[in-house]
């Protein structure tokens, strides 16, 4: 790893922590010696980065310290692209739009040379949009109800195609690689239940709120 890349990673680590990080902790994360960390801290100080601390105690960034924008290495970019393509292939329209916006923002911070290589590089990962809409029915309504801890009423058909109306407390969404499943507390069954999104015929939020600190916490 080049020194410039290591210094940037060191800044990212310091920025992401509220408490002081010891040289030993930083060395373990970056897989270098403590002596290298001491030299890197000194280099950052000389370049004007406002770091406080000392050897044996720990280091942290002063609040409000300005640091360079985040950069990504090749593998990090590959992981981000795969994640964005998975979202576009398996998530609802709202998240797909957010993924596209995030991708534009990532491209905006890439240096021109890396951006050109990135745009023309063939990726190893393809994520087809295979009946996406049927797999994410009511996902936006469900996510909104999860965020606002709002009780939902759903029309649901089980594996035997038996329809029922359920009043549920939505807790989280789980992706199994082919299907999205809603984890919820079902008032009808008085227990936790899993509901496949592609089996939900309708979903309507109610005015009733619930607390995740109760027995239905996820």
Protein backbone atom coordinates (compact mmCIF):
# COMPACT_ATOMS: atom_id res chain seq x y z
CA UNK A 1 0.00 0.00 0.00
CA UNK A 2 1.34 3.42 -0.97
CA UNK A 3 1.89 5.93 1.80
CA UNK A 4 -0.71 8.31 0.35
CA UNK A 5 -3.36 5.56 0.46
CA UNK A 6 -2.36 4.62 4.01
CA UNK A 7 -2.58 8.23 5.20
CA UNK A 8 -6.06 8.53 3.72
CA UNK A 9 -7.18 5.31 5.41
CA UNK A 10 -5.72 6.55 8.68
CA UNK A 11 -7.75 9.75 8.36
CA UNK A 12 -10.90 7.76 7.66
CA UNK A 13 -10.32 5.63 10.77
CA UNK A 14 -9.75 8.69 12.95
CA UNK A 15 -12.79 10.46 11.57
CA UNK A 16 -15.03 7.45 12.23
CA UNK A 17 -14.24 7.25 15.96
CA UNK A 18 -15.48 9.45 18.76
CA UNK A 19 -12.81 8.38 21.23
CA UNK A 20 -9.04 8.41 20.95
CA UNK A 21 -7.51 5.48 19.04
CA UNK A 22 -4.20 4.08 20.23
CA UNK A 23 -1.31 3.50 17.85
CA UNK A 24 -1.69 -0.23 18.47
CA UNK A 25 -5.36 -0.19 17.40
CA UNK A 26 -4.58 1.81 14.28
CA UNK A 27 -1.62 -0.40 13.43
CA UNK A 28 -3.76 -3.53 13.68
CA UNK A 29 -6.43 -2.06 11.43
CA UNK A 30 -3.93 -0.96 8.79
CA UNK A 31 -1.67 -4.00 9.27
CA UNK A 32 1.47 -1.94 9.81
CA UNK A 33 3.81 -1.37 12.73
CA UNK A 34 3.18 1.14 15.51
CA UNK A 35 6.31 2.95 14.42
CA UNK A 36 4.73 3.46 11.00
CA UNK A 37 1.62 4.90 12.66
CA UNK A 38 3.74 7.35 14.66
CA UNK A 39 5.46 8.49 11.45
CA UNK A 40 2.15 8.79 9.63
CA UNK A 41 0.60 10.84 12.44
CA UNK A 42 3.60 13.16 12.27
CA UNK A 43 3.19 13.49 8.49
CA UNK A 44 -0.48 14.40 8.89
CA UNK A 45 0.34 16.97 11.57
CA UNK A 46 2.96 18.56 9.32
CA UNK A 47 0.45 18.75 6.49
CA UNK A 48 -1.95 20.72 8.70
CA UNK A 49 -4.40 18.05 9.87
CA UNK A 50 -5.61 18.93 13.38
CA UNK A 51 -4.90 15.75 15.36
CA UNK A 52 -4.65 15.71 19.14
CA UNK A 53 -3.09 13.03 21.33
CA UNK A 54 0.24 11.43 22.07
CA UNK A 55 2.04 8.10 22.03
CA UNK A 56 0.71 5.70 24.66
CA UNK A 57 -2.55 7.63 25.05
CA UNK A 58 -4.18 7.73 21.63
CA UNK A 59 -5.07 10.07 18.78
CA UNK A 60 -8.24 11.71 17.53
CA UNK A 61 -9.30 14.43 15.12
CA UNK A 62 -10.33 17.77 16.52
CA UNK A 63 -14.04 18.49 15.95
CA UNK A 64 -14.55 20.36 12.71
CA UNK A 65 -11.25 19.28 11.23
CA UNK A 66 -11.30 19.36 7.45
CA UNK A 67 -10.08 16.26 5.68
CA UNK A 68 -9.92 15.28 2.01
CA UNK A 69 -12.94 13.67 0.32
CA UNK A 70 -13.15 9.90 0.41
CA UNK A 71 -11.40 7.96 -2.33
CA UNK A 72 -11.97 4.33 -3.27
CA UNK A 73 -9.56 1.64 -4.36
CA UNK A 74 -10.37 -0.84 -7.13
CA UNK A 75 -11.90 -3.51 -4.88
CA UNK A 76 -13.96 -0.98 -2.95
CA UNK A 77 -15.36 0.37 -6.22
CA UNK A 78 -16.13 -3.15 -7.36
CA UNK A 79 -18.01 -3.84 -4.12
CA UNK A 80 -19.97 -0.60 -4.43
CA UNK A 81 -20.92 -1.28 -8.04
CA UNK A 82 -22.09 -4.80 -7.14
CA UNK A 83 -24.14 -3.45 -4.23
CA UNK A 84 -25.76 -0.81 -6.42
CA UNK A 85 -26.58 -3.38 -9.12
CA UNK A 86 -28.11 -5.71 -6.52
CA UNK A 87 -30.31 -2.88 -5.28
CA UNK A 88 -31.38 -2.02 -8.84
CA UNK A 89 -32.15 -5.67 -9.55
CA UNK A 90 -33.98 -6.57 -6.33
CA UNK A 91 -35.25 -3.46 -4.55
CA UNK A 92 -38.25 -1.17 -4.99
CA UNK A 93 -38.34 1.89 -7.25
CA UNK A 94 -37.53 4.33 -4.46
CA UNK A 95 -34.36 2.46 -3.46
CA UNK A 96 -33.42 1.97 -7.13
CA UNK A 97 -33.56 5.74 -7.64
CA UNK A 98 -31.49 6.27 -4.48
CA UNK A 99 -28.91 3.75 -5.74
CA UNK A 100 -28.61 5.62 -9.04
CA UNK A 101 -28.12 8.91 -7.19
CA UNK A 102 -25.47 7.32 -4.97
CA UNK A 103 -23.69 5.98 -8.04
CA UNK A 104 -23.62 9.48 -9.56
CA UNK A 105 -22.17 10.89 -6.34
CA UNK A 106 -19.47 8.20 -6.27
CA UNK A 107 -18.52 8.99 -9.87
CA UNK A 108 -18.37 12.68 -9.02
CA UNK A 109 -15.59 12.20 -6.45
CA UNK A 110 -13.44 9.95 -8.65
CA UNK A 111 -10.39 11.53 -10.28
CA UNK A 112 -10.82 11.70 -14.10
CA UNK A 113 -8.28 8.93 -14.76
CA UNK A 114 -9.91 6.48 -12.33
CA UNK A 115 -13.38 7.46 -13.54
CA UNK A 116 -12.42 6.68 -17.13
CA UNK A 117 -10.96 3.30 -16.20
CA UNK A 118 -13.99 2.57 -14.04
CA UNK A 119 -16.53 3.43 -16.77
CA UNK A 120 -14.80 1.30 -19.39
CA UNK A 121 -13.95 -1.66 -17.20
CA UNK A 122 -15.97 -4.82 -17.77
CA UNK A 123 -17.55 -6.00 -14.54
CA UNK A 124 -17.71 -9.61 -13.42
CA UNK A 125 -21.15 -9.19 -11.88
CA UNK A 126 -24.48 -8.95 -13.65
CA UNK A 127 -27.75 -8.69 -11.74
CA UNK A 128 -30.75 -9.15 -14.07
CA UNK A 129 -34.03 -7.45 -13.22
CA UNK A 130 -36.00 -10.71 -13.03
CA UNK A 131 -39.65 -9.91 -12.21
CA UNK A 132 -38.40 -7.31 -9.74
CA UNK A 133 -41.75 -5.59 -9.33
CA UNK A 134 -43.53 -8.78 -8.25
CA UNK A 135 -40.89 -9.48 -5.59
CA UNK A 136 -40.99 -6.01 -4.00
CA UNK A 137 -44.72 -5.32 -3.87
CA UNK A 138 -45.61 -2.72 -1.25
CA UNK A 139 -41.96 -2.51 -0.20
CA UNK A 140 -42.02 1.29 0.00
CA UNK A 141 -45.14 1.27 2.19
CA UNK A 142 -43.65 -1.44 4.39
CA UNK A 143 -40.30 0.33 4.80
CA UNK A 144 -42.08 3.57 5.69
CA UNK A 145 -44.16 1.74 8.32
CA UNK A 146 -41.04 0.10 9.76
CA UNK A 147 -39.31 3.49 10.01
CA UNK A 148 -42.32 5.17 11.61
CA UNK A 149 -43.24 2.12 13.78
CA UNK A 150 -46.74 2.19 12.35
CA UNK A 151 -49.09 -0.80 12.45
CA UNK A 152 -49.97 -2.28 9.05
CA UNK A 153 -53.05 -4.05 7.76
CA UNK A 154 -52.28 -6.53 5.00
CA UNK A 155 -54.20 -8.92 2.78
CA UNK A 156 -52.11 -12.07 2.66
CA UNK A 157 -52.21 -15.50 1.03
CA UNK A 158 -50.24 -18.36 2.56
CA UNK A 159 -48.48 -21.21 0.74
CA UNK A 160 -51.86 -22.96 0.32
CA UNK A 161 -53.37 -19.81 -1.24
CA UNK A 162 -55.59 -19.28 1.80
CA UNK A 163 -56.32 -15.55 2.08
CA UNK A 164 -56.54 -13.67 5.37
CA UNK A 165 -56.46 -10.14 6.73
CA UNK A 166 -53.65 -9.50 9.20
CA UNK A 167 -52.88 -6.60 11.50
CA UNK A 168 -49.14 -6.60 12.02
CA UNK A 169 -46.28 -4.67 13.56
CA UNK A 170 -43.61 -4.59 10.82
CA UNK A 171 -40.08 -5.03 12.17
CA UNK A 172 -37.69 -5.67 9.30
CA UNK A 173 -37.14 -6.96 5.78
CA UNK A 174 -35.01 -10.01 5.00
CA UNK A 175 -33.70 -10.86 1.52
CA UNK A 176 -33.16 -14.56 0.88
CA UNK A 177 -31.56 -14.27 -2.56
CA UNK A 178 -34.80 -14.73 -4.47
CA UNK A 179 -37.57 -13.47 -2.21
CA UNK A 180 -38.11 -10.59 0.19
CA UNK A 181 -39.68 -11.52 3.53
CA UNK A 182 -41.22 -9.21 6.09
CA UNK A 183 -40.59 -10.03 9.76
CA UNK A 184 -43.52 -8.84 11.85
CA UNK A 185 -45.51 -9.35 15.02
CA UNK A 186 -48.88 -10.74 13.96
CA UNK A 187 -51.77 -9.76 16.22
CA UNK A 188 -53.93 -12.59 14.85
CA UNK A 189 -51.37 -15.26 15.80
CA UNK A 190 -50.01 -13.33 18.80
CA UNK A 191 -46.50 -14.26 17.69
CA UNK A 192 -43.72 -13.44 15.24
CA UNK A 193 -44.47 -14.34 11.65
CA UNK A 194 -42.74 -14.13 8.25
CA UNK A 195 -44.67 -12.75 5.29
CA UNK A 196 -43.42 -13.05 1.71
CA UNK A 197 -43.86 -9.76 -0.13
CA UNK A 198 -44.96 -11.49 -3.35
CA UNK A 199 -47.90 -13.01 -1.43
CA UNK A 200 -49.19 -9.69 -0.10
CA UNK A 201 -52.25 -8.55 -2.07
CA UNK A 202 -52.61 -5.21 -0.27
CA UNK A 203 -50.90 -3.25 2.51
CA UNK A 204 -52.27 -0.17 4.26
CA UNK A 205 -50.71 1.74 7.16
CA UNK A 206 -52.98 2.52 10.09
CA UNK A 207 -52.88 5.43 12.53
CA UNK A 208 -51.74 3.14 15.34
CA UNK A 209 -48.10 3.31 16.44
CA UNK A 210 -46.17 0.65 18.31
CA UNK A 211 -43.01 0.53 20.41
CA UNK A 212 -40.06 -1.65 19.42
CA UNK A 213 -39.01 -1.80 23.09
CA UNK A 214 -41.90 -4.14 23.80
CA UNK A 215 -41.97 -7.90 23.24
CA UNK A 216 -42.21 -7.45 19.48
CA UNK A 217 -38.74 -5.93 19.12
CA UNK A 218 -36.67 -7.20 16.18
